[in-house]
């Protein structure tokens, strides 16, 4: 199995060419965080992302303890254009609630906390029309040095529709049926395996639970198949407000399968939150790249570019030698 570094290098070469495609040789998952990347999974790619979790919440003012378990899930599909992705995602949870005040009692309930169908489209990519950048085969520093243009992010827009059932215990009273959701997603791919994603979300628009939230996610690939991440999710509405922090990691099992684990917590007691989650992402890859239609695979294209770069370097050295002799 090829190392993640090989795949990242392959992606970096293909991503900066004029023959642009968002498809990558390895799976591109939004897990284990909750933010959405600016890029799609690639045309004709079907991707499943799912993860069970355990959650404990303790509300000091209400003398209330919630112990929950549930699962997050997402189905993503790249349709028609490299920039377009359709996705269906949700969270189902079951909760045991205990009150510890004067008259202790318990109640149990379960439902979908979220259930959303949406579409995401990449509206701006700083690398799409950039001139081809050849890797410097003789300088690690040149390939990993900071460039100001790296601060310009890719930008995607998302439009979706939530569906909430009547008398849902996880939403404000009176909310039911469909409501709009919009989001702006930005992504910076920095050298050295760093990725920074920002989401700005307006959810359940026009209801009594019209949340605004922003999510900041920083991911770093390490060693071969490993990556770690840290995330901050800030939620603000009349119904609920919080600042959740997540940390965790992911392991690239194969190029089409990723497994992950994460922990979630906050810093307040109304309520305090602590959660643990594990999950997996798997894709069915039906993508056919334009280069592959011409009989050249992405890996063969990478090898061709490396050989071309070496050839140009040899020619340059030979010319310098001839000029010196003259």
C-alpha atoms as a PDB file:
ATOM      1  CA  UNK A   1       0.000   0.000   0.000  1.00  0.00           C
ATOM      2  CA  UNK A   2       1.375   3.361  -0.962  1.00  0.00           C
ATOM      3  CA  UNK A   3       2.103   5.871   1.779  1.00  0.00           C
ATOM      4  CA  UNK A   4      -0.080   8.927   2.356  1.00  0.00           C
ATOM      5  CA  UNK A   5       2.897  11.127   1.484  1.00  0.00           C
ATOM      6  CA  UNK A   6       2.988   9.608  -1.995  1.00  0.00           C
ATOM      7  CA  UNK A   7      -0.705  10.316  -2.479  1.00  0.00           C
ATOM      8  CA  UNK A   8      -0.392  13.862  -1.112  1.00  0.00           C
ATOM      9  CA  UNK A   9       2.481  14.573  -3.507  1.00  0.00           C
ATOM     10  CA  UNK A  10       0.504  13.091  -6.389  1.00  0.00           C
ATOM     11  CA  UNK A  11      -2.489  15.254  -5.491  1.00  0.00           C
ATOM     12  CA  UNK A  12      -0.323  18.376  -5.279  1.00  0.00           C
ATOM     13  CA  UNK A  13       1.020  17.821  -8.795  1.00  0.00           C
ATOM     14  CA  UNK A  14      -2.351  17.123 -10.419  1.00  0.00           C
ATOM     15  CA  UNK A  15      -4.176  19.822  -8.478  1.00  0.00           C
ATOM     16  CA  UNK A  16      -2.027  22.646  -9.877  1.00  0.00           C
ATOM     17  CA  UNK A  17      -2.349  21.721 -13.536  1.00  0.00           C
ATOM     18  CA  UNK A  18      -4.622  23.314 -16.102  1.00  0.00           C
ATOM     19  CA  UNK A  19      -6.272  19.926 -16.537  1.00  0.00           C
ATOM     20  CA  UNK A  20      -7.976  20.588 -13.221  1.00  0.00           C
ATOM     21  CA  UNK A  21      -9.938  17.989 -11.284  1.00  0.00           C
ATOM     22  CA  UNK A  22     -11.060  17.792  -7.642  1.00  0.00           C
ATOM     23  CA  UNK A  23     -10.797  14.020  -7.668  1.00  0.00           C
ATOM     24  CA  UNK A  24      -7.940  12.689  -5.508  1.00  0.00           C
ATOM     25  CA  UNK A  25      -6.203   9.326  -5.469  1.00  0.00           C
ATOM     26  CA  UNK A  26      -7.155   8.832  -1.801  1.00  0.00           C
ATOM     27  CA  UNK A  27     -10.464   9.336  -0.051  1.00  0.00           C
ATOM     28  CA  UNK A  28     -11.334  12.927   0.911  1.00  0.00           C
ATOM     29  CA  UNK A  29     -13.472  12.724   4.063  1.00  0.00           C
ATOM     30  CA  UNK A  30     -15.044  15.399   6.265  1.00  0.00           C
ATOM     31  CA  UNK A  31     -14.632  13.123   9.306  1.00  0.00           C
ATOM     32  CA  UNK A  32     -13.766  13.090  12.126  1.00  0.00           C
ATOM     33  CA  UNK A  33     -14.697  16.770  12.475  1.00  0.00           C
ATOM     34  CA  UNK A  34     -18.076  18.277  11.620  1.00  0.00           C
ATOM     35  CA  UNK A  35     -16.937  20.954   9.153  1.00  0.00           C
ATOM     36  CA  UNK A  36     -17.299  20.527   5.386  1.00  0.00           C
ATOM     37  CA  UNK A  37     -14.327  20.969   3.074  1.00  0.00           C
ATOM     38  CA  UNK A  38     -14.633  23.316   0.120  1.00  0.00           C
ATOM     39  CA  UNK A  39     -13.954  20.505  -2.353  1.00  0.00           C
ATOM     40  CA  UNK A  40     -16.237  17.769  -3.603  1.00  0.00           C
ATOM     41  CA  UNK A  41     -15.518  14.047  -3.580  1.00  0.00           C
ATOM     42  CA  UNK A  42     -15.073  14.067  -7.382  1.00  0.00           C
ATOM     43  CA  UNK A  43     -17.402  13.238 -10.231  1.00  0.00           C
ATOM     44  CA  UNK A  44     -19.012   9.785 -10.129  1.00  0.00           C
ATOM     45  CA  UNK A  45     -17.710   9.076  -6.632  1.00  0.00           C
ATOM     46  CA  UNK A  46     -20.169   7.754  -4.029  1.00  0.00           C
ATOM     47  CA  UNK A  47     -18.936   8.196  -0.473  1.00  0.00           C
ATOM     48  CA  UNK A  48     -20.309   6.982   2.870  1.00  0.00           C
ATOM     49  CA  UNK A  49     -19.283   8.521   6.184  1.00  0.00           C
ATOM     50  CA  UNK A  50     -20.657   7.168   9.475  1.00  0.00           C
ATOM     51  CA  UNK A  51     -19.725   7.094  13.136  1.00  0.00           C
ATOM     52  CA  UNK A  52     -21.363   6.075  16.437  1.00  0.00           C
ATOM     53  CA  UNK A  53     -20.776   8.211  19.510  1.00  0.00           C
ATOM     54  CA  UNK A  54     -21.359   8.453  23.251  1.00  0.00           C
ATOM     55  CA  UNK A  55     -22.282  11.808  24.804  1.00  0.00           C
ATOM     56  CA  UNK A  56     -22.607  13.017  28.395  1.00  0.00           C
ATOM     57  CA  UNK A  57     -24.115  16.414  29.283  1.00  0.00           C
ATOM     58  CA  UNK A  58     -24.535  17.822  32.798  1.00  0.00           C
ATOM     59  CA  UNK A  59     -26.560  20.998  33.366  1.00  0.00           C
ATOM     60  CA  UNK A  60     -25.735  22.489  36.776  1.00  0.00           C
ATOM     61  CA  UNK A  61     -28.528  25.093  36.907  1.00  0.00           C
ATOM     62  CA  UNK A  62     -31.269  22.630  35.924  1.00  0.00           C
ATOM     63  CA  UNK A  63     -29.810  19.743  37.973  1.00  0.00           C
ATOM     64  CA  UNK A  64     -30.064  17.605  34.847  1.00  0.00           C
ATOM     65  CA  UNK A  65     -27.861  14.812  33.504  1.00  0.00           C
ATOM     66  CA  UNK A  66     -28.148  13.512  29.938  1.00  0.00           C
ATOM     67  CA  UNK A  67     -26.491  10.285  28.826  1.00  0.00           C
ATOM     68  CA  UNK A  68     -26.832   9.714  25.089  1.00  0.00           C
ATOM     69  CA  UNK A  69     -25.664   7.518  22.276  1.00  0.00           C
ATOM     70  CA  UNK A  70     -26.178   8.002  18.577  1.00  0.00           C
ATOM     71  CA  UNK A  71     -24.616   8.100  15.134  1.00  0.00           C
ATOM     72  CA  UNK A  72     -23.636  10.698  12.552  1.00  0.00           C
ATOM     73  CA  UNK A  73     -23.934   9.745   8.906  1.00  0.00           C
ATOM     74  CA  UNK A  74     -23.396  11.311   5.494  1.00  0.00           C
ATOM     75  CA  UNK A  75     -23.840  10.214   1.888  1.00  0.00           C
ATOM     76  CA  UNK A  76     -21.881  12.289  -0.659  1.00  0.00           C
ATOM     77  CA  UNK A  77     -21.979  12.126  -4.444  1.00  0.00           C
ATOM     78  CA  UNK A  78     -20.039  14.060  -7.086  1.00  0.00           C
ATOM     79  CA  UNK A  79     -22.473  14.960  -9.865  1.00  0.00           C
ATOM     80  CA  UNK A  80     -21.948  16.338 -13.404  1.00  0.00           C
ATOM     81  CA  UNK A  81     -19.122  18.791 -12.616  1.00  0.00           C
ATOM     82  CA  UNK A  82     -15.914  18.449 -10.556  1.00  0.00           C
ATOM     83  CA  UNK A  83     -17.070  21.410  -8.457  1.00  0.00           C
ATOM     84  CA  UNK A  84     -20.522  20.014  -7.564  1.00  0.00           C
ATOM     85  CA  UNK A  85     -21.422  17.676  -4.733  1.00  0.00           C
ATOM     86  CA  UNK A  86     -24.789  16.466  -3.473  1.00  0.00           C
ATOM     87  CA  UNK A  87     -24.962  15.263   0.111  1.00  0.00           C
ATOM     88  CA  UNK A  88     -27.448  13.830   2.560  1.00  0.00           C
ATOM     89  CA  UNK A  89     -26.459  13.929   6.208  1.00  0.00           C
ATOM     90  CA  UNK A  90     -27.936  13.574   9.643  1.00  0.00           C
ATOM     91  CA  UNK A  91     -27.581  12.660  13.295  1.00  0.00           C
ATOM     92  CA  UNK A  92     -29.780  10.211  15.198  1.00  0.00           C
ATOM     93  CA  UNK A  93     -29.600  10.210  18.996  1.00  0.00           C
ATOM     94  CA  UNK A  94     -31.167   8.407  21.957  1.00  0.00           C
ATOM     95  CA  UNK A  95     -31.035  10.093  25.380  1.00  0.00           C
ATOM     96  CA  UNK A  96     -31.641   9.065  28.981  1.00  0.00           C
ATOM     97  CA  UNK A  97     -32.342  12.216  31.014  1.00  0.00           C
ATOM     98  CA  UNK A  98     -32.134  12.265  34.804  1.00  0.00           C
ATOM     99  CA  UNK A  99     -33.150  15.084  37.155  1.00  0.00           C
ATOM    100  CA  UNK A 100     -31.342  15.232  40.483  1.00  0.00           C
ATOM    101  CA  UNK A 101     -33.299  17.975  42.251  1.00  0.00           C
ATOM    102  CA  UNK A 102     -35.971  17.549  44.975  1.00  0.00           C
ATOM    103  CA  UNK A 103     -37.898  14.819  43.123  1.00  0.00           C
ATOM    104  CA  UNK A 104     -35.519  12.606  41.114  1.00  0.00           C
ATOM    105  CA  UNK A 105     -37.017  11.233  37.932  1.00  0.00           C
ATOM    106  CA  UNK A 106     -35.977   9.992  34.510  1.00  0.00           C
ATOM    107  CA  UNK A 107     -37.187  10.161  30.937  1.00  0.00           C
ATOM    108  CA  UNK A 108     -36.035   8.581  27.687  1.00  0.00           C
ATOM    109  CA  UNK A 109     -36.405   9.939  24.170  1.00  0.00           C
ATOM    110  CA  UNK A 110     -34.851   9.611  20.728  1.00  0.00           C
ATOM    111  CA  UNK A 111     -35.093  11.250  17.322  1.00  0.00           C
ATOM    112  CA  UNK A 112     -33.085  12.816  14.514  1.00  0.00           C
ATOM    113  CA  UNK A 113     -31.200  15.847  15.788  1.00  0.00           C
ATOM    114  CA  UNK A 114     -30.498  16.821  12.172  1.00  0.00           C
ATOM    115  CA  UNK A 115     -31.576  15.522   8.775  1.00  0.00           C
ATOM    116  CA  UNK A 116     -30.435  17.595   5.810  1.00  0.00           C
ATOM    117  CA  UNK A 117     -30.286  17.295   2.023  1.00  0.00           C
ATOM    118  CA  UNK A 118     -28.041  19.788   0.255  1.00  0.00           C
ATOM    119  CA  UNK A 119     -25.701  20.722  -2.576  1.00  0.00           C
ATOM    120  CA  UNK A 120     -22.227  22.266  -2.424  1.00  0.00           C
ATOM    121  CA  UNK A 121     -20.481  24.058  -5.290  1.00  0.00           C
ATOM    122  CA  UNK A 122     -16.887  25.299  -5.482  1.00  0.00           C
ATOM    123  CA  UNK A 123     -17.119  28.892  -6.719  1.00  0.00           C
ATOM    124  CA  UNK A 124     -13.455  29.846  -6.439  1.00  0.00           C
ATOM    125  CA  UNK A 125     -10.244  27.858  -6.483  1.00  0.00           C
ATOM    126  CA  UNK A 126      -6.936  29.781  -6.367  1.00  0.00           C
ATOM    127  CA  UNK A 127      -5.123  26.978  -8.217  1.00  0.00           C
ATOM    128  CA  UNK A 128      -7.591  26.379 -11.040  1.00  0.00           C
ATOM    129  CA  UNK A 129      -6.096  28.833 -13.533  1.00  0.00           C
ATOM    130  CA  UNK A 130      -2.619  28.987 -12.061  1.00  0.00           C
ATOM    131  CA  UNK A 131       0.358  28.116 -14.194  1.00  0.00           C
ATOM    132  CA  UNK A 132       1.791  24.680 -13.657  1.00  0.00           C
ATOM    133  CA  UNK A 133       4.175  24.519 -10.720  1.00  0.00           C
ATOM    134  CA  UNK A 134       6.946  21.979 -11.154  1.00  0.00           C
ATOM    135  CA  UNK A 135       8.391  20.482  -7.978  1.00  0.00           C
ATOM    136  CA  UNK A 136      12.046  21.211  -7.284  1.00  0.00           C
ATOM    137  CA  UNK A 137      13.565  17.740  -7.208  1.00  0.00           C
ATOM    138  CA  UNK A 138      16.765  19.019  -5.571  1.00  0.00           C
ATOM    139  CA  UNK A 139      15.426  21.275  -2.822  1.00  0.00           C
ATOM    140  CA  UNK A 140      13.154  20.201   0.019  1.00  0.00           C
ATOM    141  CA  UNK A 141      13.110  23.803   1.275  1.00  0.00           C
ATOM    142  CA  UNK A 142      11.862  25.165  -2.051  1.00  0.00           C
ATOM    143  CA  UNK A 143       8.958  22.709  -2.091  1.00  0.00           C
ATOM    144  CA  UNK A 144       7.942  23.432   1.514  1.00  0.00           C
ATOM    145  CA  UNK A 145       8.604  27.177   1.850  1.00  0.00           C
ATOM    146  CA  UNK A 146       5.736  29.555   2.595  1.00  0.00           C
ATOM    147  CA  UNK A 147       4.151  31.490  -0.275  1.00  0.00           C
ATOM    148  CA  UNK A 148       1.777  34.417   0.228  1.00  0.00           C
ATOM    149  CA  UNK A 149      -0.674  33.021  -2.310  1.00  0.00           C
ATOM    150  CA  UNK A 150      -1.219  30.063   0.045  1.00  0.00           C
ATOM    151  CA  UNK A 151      -3.289  32.446   2.184  1.00  0.00           C
ATOM    152  CA  UNK A 152      -5.908  32.703  -0.587  1.00  0.00           C
ATOM    153  CA  UNK A 153      -8.500  30.004   0.171  1.00  0.00           C
ATOM    154  CA  UNK A 154     -10.755  27.948  -2.041  1.00  0.00           C
ATOM    155  CA  UNK A 155     -14.388  28.995  -1.506  1.00  0.00           C
ATOM    156  CA  UNK A 156     -17.569  26.921  -1.812  1.00  0.00           C
ATOM    157  CA  UNK A 157     -21.232  27.702  -1.202  1.00  0.00           C
ATOM    158  CA  UNK A 158     -23.789  25.278   0.179  1.00  0.00           C
ATOM    159  CA  UNK A 159     -27.589  25.336   0.065  1.00  0.00           C
ATOM    160  CA  UNK A 160     -29.677  22.725   1.839  1.00  0.00           C
ATOM    161  CA  UNK A 161     -33.022  21.873   3.408  1.00  0.00           C
ATOM    162  CA  UNK A 162     -33.507  20.555   6.944  1.00  0.00           C
ATOM    163  CA  UNK A 163     -36.366  18.296   7.900  1.00  0.00           C
ATOM    164  CA  UNK A 164     -37.594  18.205  11.515  1.00  0.00           C
ATOM    165  CA  UNK A 165     -40.376  16.011  12.828  1.00  0.00           C
ATOM    166  CA  UNK A 166     -43.159  17.381  15.013  1.00  0.00           C
ATOM    167  CA  UNK A 167     -42.479  17.508  18.772  1.00  0.00           C
ATOM    168  CA  UNK A 168     -38.797  16.750  18.284  1.00  0.00           C
ATOM    169  CA  UNK A 169     -37.135  16.820  21.756  1.00  0.00           C
ATOM    170  CA  UNK A 170     -33.878  18.112  20.245  1.00  0.00           C
ATOM    171  CA  UNK A 171     -35.344  21.264  18.675  1.00  0.00           C
ATOM    172  CA  UNK A 172     -37.237  24.299  19.935  1.00  0.00           C
ATOM    173  CA  UNK A 173     -40.984  23.983  20.473  1.00  0.00           C
ATOM    174  CA  UNK A 174     -43.103  24.421  17.371  1.00  0.00           C
ATOM    175  CA  UNK A 175     -40.413  23.571  14.828  1.00  0.00           C
ATOM    176  CA  UNK A 176     -41.444  21.013  12.230  1.00  0.00           C
ATOM    177  CA  UNK A 177     -41.172  20.382   8.517  1.00  0.00           C
ATOM    178  CA  UNK A 178     -38.616  21.925   6.165  1.00  0.00           C
ATOM    179  CA  UNK A 179     -36.325  24.893   6.751  1.00  0.00           C
ATOM    180  CA  UNK A 180     -33.406  26.305   4.714  1.00  0.00           C
ATOM    181  CA  UNK A 181     -29.716  25.987   5.528  1.00  0.00           C
ATOM    182  CA  UNK A 182     -26.892  27.943   3.868  1.00  0.00           C
ATOM    183  CA  UNK A 183     -23.139  27.833   4.334  1.00  0.00           C
ATOM    184  CA  UNK A 184     -19.895  29.322   3.048  1.00  0.00           C
ATOM    185  CA  UNK A 185     -16.882  27.010   3.256  1.00  0.00           C
ATOM    186  CA  UNK A 186     -13.254  28.045   2.774  1.00  0.00           C
ATOM    187  CA  UNK A 187     -10.174  25.851   2.611  1.00  0.00           C
ATOM    188  CA  UNK A 188      -6.430  26.489   2.624  1.00  0.00           C
ATOM    189  CA  UNK A 189      -4.034  23.683   1.705  1.00  0.00           C
ATOM    190  CA  UNK A 190      -0.690  24.707   3.173  1.00  0.00           C
ATOM    191  CA  UNK A 191       2.630  23.043   2.531  1.00  0.00           C
ATOM    192  CA  UNK A 192       3.789  20.422   4.974  1.00  0.00           C
ATOM    193  CA  UNK A 193       0.459  18.620   5.153  1.00  0.00           C
ATOM    194  CA  UNK A 194      -1.523  21.388   6.889  1.00  0.00           C
ATOM    195  CA  UNK A 195      -5.175  22.019   5.921  1.00  0.00           C
ATOM    196  CA  UNK A 196      -7.319  24.809   7.398  1.00  0.00           C
ATOM    197  CA  UNK A 197     -11.105  24.823   6.865  1.00  0.00           C
ATOM    198  CA  UNK A 198     -13.655  27.454   7.911  1.00  0.00           C
ATOM    199  CA  UNK A 199     -17.455  27.068   7.765  1.00  0.00           C
ATOM    200  CA  UNK A 200     -19.949  29.897   8.293  1.00  0.00           C
ATOM    201  CA  UNK A 201     -23.456  28.462   8.670  1.00  0.00           C
ATOM    202  CA  UNK A 202     -26.979  29.842   9.004  1.00  0.00           C
ATOM    203  CA  UNK A 203     -29.282  26.979   9.937  1.00  0.00           C
ATOM    204  CA  UNK A 204     -33.074  26.507  10.191  1.00  0.00           C
ATOM    205  CA  UNK A 205     -33.629  29.932   8.673  1.00  0.00           C
ATOM    206  CA  UNK A 206     -36.972  31.545   9.519  1.00  0.00           C
ATOM    207  CA  UNK A 207     -37.678  29.383  12.582  1.00  0.00           C
ATOM    208  CA  UNK A 208     -37.431  29.984  16.339  1.00  0.00           C
ATOM    209  CA  UNK A 209     -34.151  28.063  16.272  1.00  0.00           C
ATOM    210  CA  UNK A 210     -32.294  29.955  13.579  1.00  0.00           C
ATOM    211  CA  UNK A 211     -28.738  29.066  14.570  1.00  0.00           C
ATOM    212  CA  UNK A 212     -25.636  30.846  13.368  1.00  0.00           C
ATOM    213  CA  UNK A 213     -22.419  28.900  13.765  1.00  0.00           C
ATOM    214  CA  UNK A 214     -18.858  28.984  12.571  1.00  0.00           C
ATOM    215  CA  UNK A 215     -16.419  26.088  12.599  1.00  0.00           C
ATOM    216  CA  UNK A 216     -12.623  26.265  12.408  1.00  0.00           C
ATOM    217  CA  UNK A 217     -10.772  23.011  11.641  1.00  0.00           C
ATOM    218  CA  UNK A 218      -7.003  22.526  11.427  1.00  0.00           C
ATOM    219  CA  UNK A 219      -5.680  19.172  10.152  1.00  0.00           C
ATOM    220  CA  UNK A 220      -2.094  17.925   9.912  1.00  0.00           C
ATOM    221  CA  UNK A 221      -0.929  14.779   8.142  1.00  0.00           C
ATOM    222  CA  UNK A 222       1.889  12.962   9.944  1.00  0.00           C
ATOM    223  CA  UNK A 223       4.081   9.983   9.096  1.00  0.00           C
ATOM    224  CA  UNK A 224       2.477   7.824   6.414  1.00  0.00           C
ATOM    225  CA  UNK A 225      -1.243   7.149   6.797  1.00  0.00           C
ATOM    226  CA  UNK A 226      -1.937   9.208   9.935  1.00  0.00           C
ATOM    227  CA  UNK A 227      -3.544  12.638  10.389  1.00  0.00           C
ATOM    228  CA  UNK A 228      -4.566  14.624  13.484  1.00  0.00           C
ATOM    229  CA  UNK A 229      -6.988  17.512  13.840  1.00  0.00           C
ATOM    230  CA  UNK A 230      -8.289  20.188  16.220  1.00  0.00           C
ATOM    231  CA  UNK A 231     -11.617  21.949  15.778  1.00  0.00           C
ATOM    232  CA  UNK A 232     -13.651  24.733  17.351  1.00  0.00           C
ATOM    233  CA  UNK A 233     -17.418  24.987  16.752  1.00  0.00           C
ATOM    234  CA  UNK A 234     -19.211  28.119  17.969  1.00  0.00           C
ATOM    235  CA  UNK A 235     -23.048  27.959  18.033  1.00  0.00           C
ATOM    236  CA  UNK A 236     -25.296  30.935  18.713  1.00  0.00           C
ATOM    237  CA  UNK A 237     -29.118  31.140  18.877  1.00  0.00           C
ATOM    238  CA  UNK A 238     -31.937  31.918  21.310  1.00  0.00           C
ATOM    239  CA  UNK A 239     -32.433  28.166  21.786  1.00  0.00           C
ATOM    240  CA  UNK A 240     -28.842  27.030  22.338  1.00  0.00           C
ATOM    241  CA  UNK A 241     -25.352  28.518  22.487  1.00  0.00           C
ATOM    242  CA  UNK A 242     -22.048  26.751  22.963  1.00  0.00           C
ATOM    243  CA  UNK A 243     -18.399  26.578  22.008  1.00  0.00           C
ATOM    244  CA  UNK A 244     -17.424  22.961  21.357  1.00  0.00           C
ATOM    245  CA  UNK A 245     -13.838  21.776  20.987  1.00  0.00           C
ATOM    246  CA  UNK A 246     -12.865  18.563  19.204  1.00  0.00           C
ATOM    247  CA  UNK A 247      -9.564  16.744  18.870  1.00  0.00           C
ATOM    248  CA  UNK A 248      -8.759  13.436  17.265  1.00  0.00           C
ATOM    249  CA  UNK A 249      -7.155  11.615  14.414  1.00  0.00           C
ATOM    250  CA  UNK A 250      -7.681   9.475  11.337  1.00  0.00           C
ATOM    251  CA  UNK A 251      -5.916   6.526   9.741  1.00  0.00           C
ATOM    252  CA  UNK A 252      -5.876   5.859   6.000  1.00  0.00           C
ATOM    253  CA  UNK A 253      -6.475   2.096   5.863  1.00  0.00           C
ATOM    254  CA  UNK A 254      -6.613   1.937   2.058  1.00  0.00           C
ATOM    255  CA  UNK A 255      -6.981   4.636  -0.570  1.00  0.00           C
ATOM    256  CA  UNK A 256     -10.774   4.184  -0.346  1.00  0.00           C
ATOM    257  CA  UNK A 257     -11.167   3.588   3.407  1.00  0.00           C
ATOM    258  CA  UNK A 258     -10.460   5.841   6.379  1.00  0.00           C
ATOM    259  CA  UNK A 259     -11.104   5.135  10.081  1.00  0.00           C
ATOM    260  CA  UNK A 260     -11.144   7.800  12.790  1.00  0.00           C
ATOM    261  CA  UNK A 261     -11.687   8.692  16.444  1.00  0.00           C
ATOM    262  CA  UNK A 262     -12.391  11.983  18.222  1.00  0.00           C
ATOM    263  CA  UNK A 263     -13.290  13.552  21.561  1.00  0.00           C
ATOM    264  CA  UNK A 264     -15.609  16.542  22.094  1.00  0.00           C
ATOM    265  CA  UNK A 265     -15.782  18.840  25.133  1.00  0.00           C
ATOM    266  CA  UNK A 266     -16.580  22.409  26.155  1.00  0.00           C
ATOM    267  CA  UNK A 267     -15.670  24.804  28.966  1.00  0.00           C
ATOM    268  CA  UNK A 268     -19.043  25.694  30.527  1.00  0.00           C
ATOM    269  CA  UNK A 269     -21.557  23.924  32.801  1.00  0.00           C
ATOM    270  CA  UNK A 270     -24.910  24.897  31.212  1.00  0.00           C
ATOM    271  CA  UNK A 271     -24.453  22.176  30.148  1.00  0.00           C
ATOM    272  CA  UNK A 272     -20.984  20.680  30.287  1.00  0.00           C
ATOM    273  CA  UNK A 273     -20.336  18.385  27.329  1.00  0.00           C
ATOM    274  CA  UNK A 274     -18.076  15.390  26.863  1.00  0.00           C
ATOM    275  CA  UNK A 275     -18.310  12.973  23.968  1.00  0.00           C
ATOM    276  CA  UNK A 276     -16.349  10.167  22.324  1.00  0.00           C
ATOM    277  CA  UNK A 277     -16.798   9.043  18.726  1.00  0.00           C
ATOM    278  CA  UNK A 278     -15.336   6.543  16.299  1.00  0.00           C
ATOM    279  CA  UNK A 279     -16.142   6.252  12.629  1.00  0.00           C
ATOM    280  CA  UNK A 280     -15.246   5.283   9.117  1.00  0.00           C
ATOM    281  CA  UNK A 281     -15.442   6.712   5.606  1.00  0.00           C
ATOM    282  CA  UNK A 282     -15.622   4.562   2.483  1.00  0.00           C
ATOM    283  CA  UNK A 283     -15.976   5.451  -1.173  1.00  0.00           C
ATOM    284  CA  UNK A 284     -17.130   3.658  -4.295  1.00  0.00           C
ATOM    285  CA  UNK A 285     -14.853   5.082  -6.950  1.00  0.00           C
ATOM    286  CA  UNK A 286     -16.406   5.228 -10.431  1.00  0.00           C
ATOM    287  CA  UNK A 287     -14.412   8.296 -11.420  1.00  0.00           C
ATOM    288  CA  UNK A 288     -12.729   8.361 -14.839  1.00  0.00           C
ATOM    289  CA  UNK A 289     -10.187  11.139 -15.252  1.00  0.00           C
ATOM    290  CA  UNK A 290      -9.707  12.914 -18.565  1.00  0.00           C
ATOM    291  CA  UNK A 291      -6.098  11.801 -18.612  1.00  0.00           C
ATOM    292  CA  UNK A 292      -7.199   8.204 -18.112  1.00  0.00           C
ATOM    293  CA  UNK A 293      -9.474   8.485 -21.148  1.00  0.00           C
ATOM    294  CA  UNK A 294      -6.361   9.283 -23.175  1.00  0.00           C
ATOM    295  CA  UNK A 295      -4.671   6.190 -21.798  1.00  0.00           C
ATOM    296  CA  UNK A 296      -2.575   7.983 -19.176  1.00  0.00           C
ATOM    297  CA  UNK A 297      -3.347   7.459 -15.519  1.00  0.00           C
ATOM    298  CA  UNK A 298      -2.740  10.060 -12.823  1.00  0.00           C
ATOM    299  CA  UNK A 299       0.254   8.132 -11.478  1.00  0.00           C
ATOM    300  CA  UNK A 300       1.725   7.794 -14.972  1.00  0.00           C
ATOM    301  CA  UNK A 301       1.249  11.538 -15.435  1.00  0.00           C
ATOM    302  CA  UNK A 302       3.171  12.154 -12.211  1.00  0.00           C
ATOM    303  CA  UNK A 303       6.036   9.950 -13.391  1.00  0.00           C
ATOM    304  CA  UNK A 304       6.051  11.739 -16.759  1.00  0.00           C
ATOM    305  CA  UNK A 305       6.330  15.124 -15.053  1.00  0.00           C
ATOM    306  CA  UNK A 306       9.153  13.949 -12.789  1.00  0.00           C
ATOM    307  CA  UNK A 307      11.101  12.588 -15.777  1.00  0.00           C
ATOM    308  CA  UNK A 308      10.474  15.813 -17.691  1.00  0.00           C
ATOM    309  CA  UNK A 309      11.748  17.895 -14.769  1.00  0.00           C
ATOM    310  CA  UNK A 310      14.897  15.763 -14.516  1.00  0.00           C
ATOM    311  CA  UNK A 311      15.466  16.096 -18.265  1.00  0.00           C
ATOM    312  CA  UNK A 312      15.157  19.870 -18.145  1.00  0.00           C
ATOM    313  CA  UNK A 313      17.598  20.006 -15.231  1.00  0.00           C
ATOM    314  CA  UNK A 314      20.143  17.936 -17.168  1.00  0.00           C
ATOM    315  CA  UNK A 315      19.779  20.203 -20.215  1.00  0.00           C
ATOM    316  CA  UNK A 316      20.296  23.257 -18.014  1.00  0.00           C
ATOM    317  CA  UNK A 317      23.477  21.794 -16.503  1.00  0.00           C
ATOM    318  CA  UNK A 318      24.800  20.833 -19.934  1.00  0.00           C
ATOM    319  CA  UNK A 319      24.158  24.341 -21.255  1.00  0.00           C
ATOM    320  CA  UNK A 320      25.928  25.886 -18.263  1.00  0.00           C
ATOM    321  CA  UNK A 321      28.917  23.607 -18.893  1.00  0.00           C
ATOM    322  CA  UNK A 322      29.085  24.561 -22.594  1.00  0.00           C
ATOM    323  CA  UNK A 323      28.817  28.274 -21.796  1.00  0.00           C
ATOM    324  CA  UNK A 324      31.605  27.935 -19.250  1.00  0.00           C
ATOM    325  CA  UNK A 325      33.868  26.161 -21.727  1.00  0.00           C
ATOM    326  CA  UNK A 326      33.320  28.979 -24.227  1.00  0.00           C
END
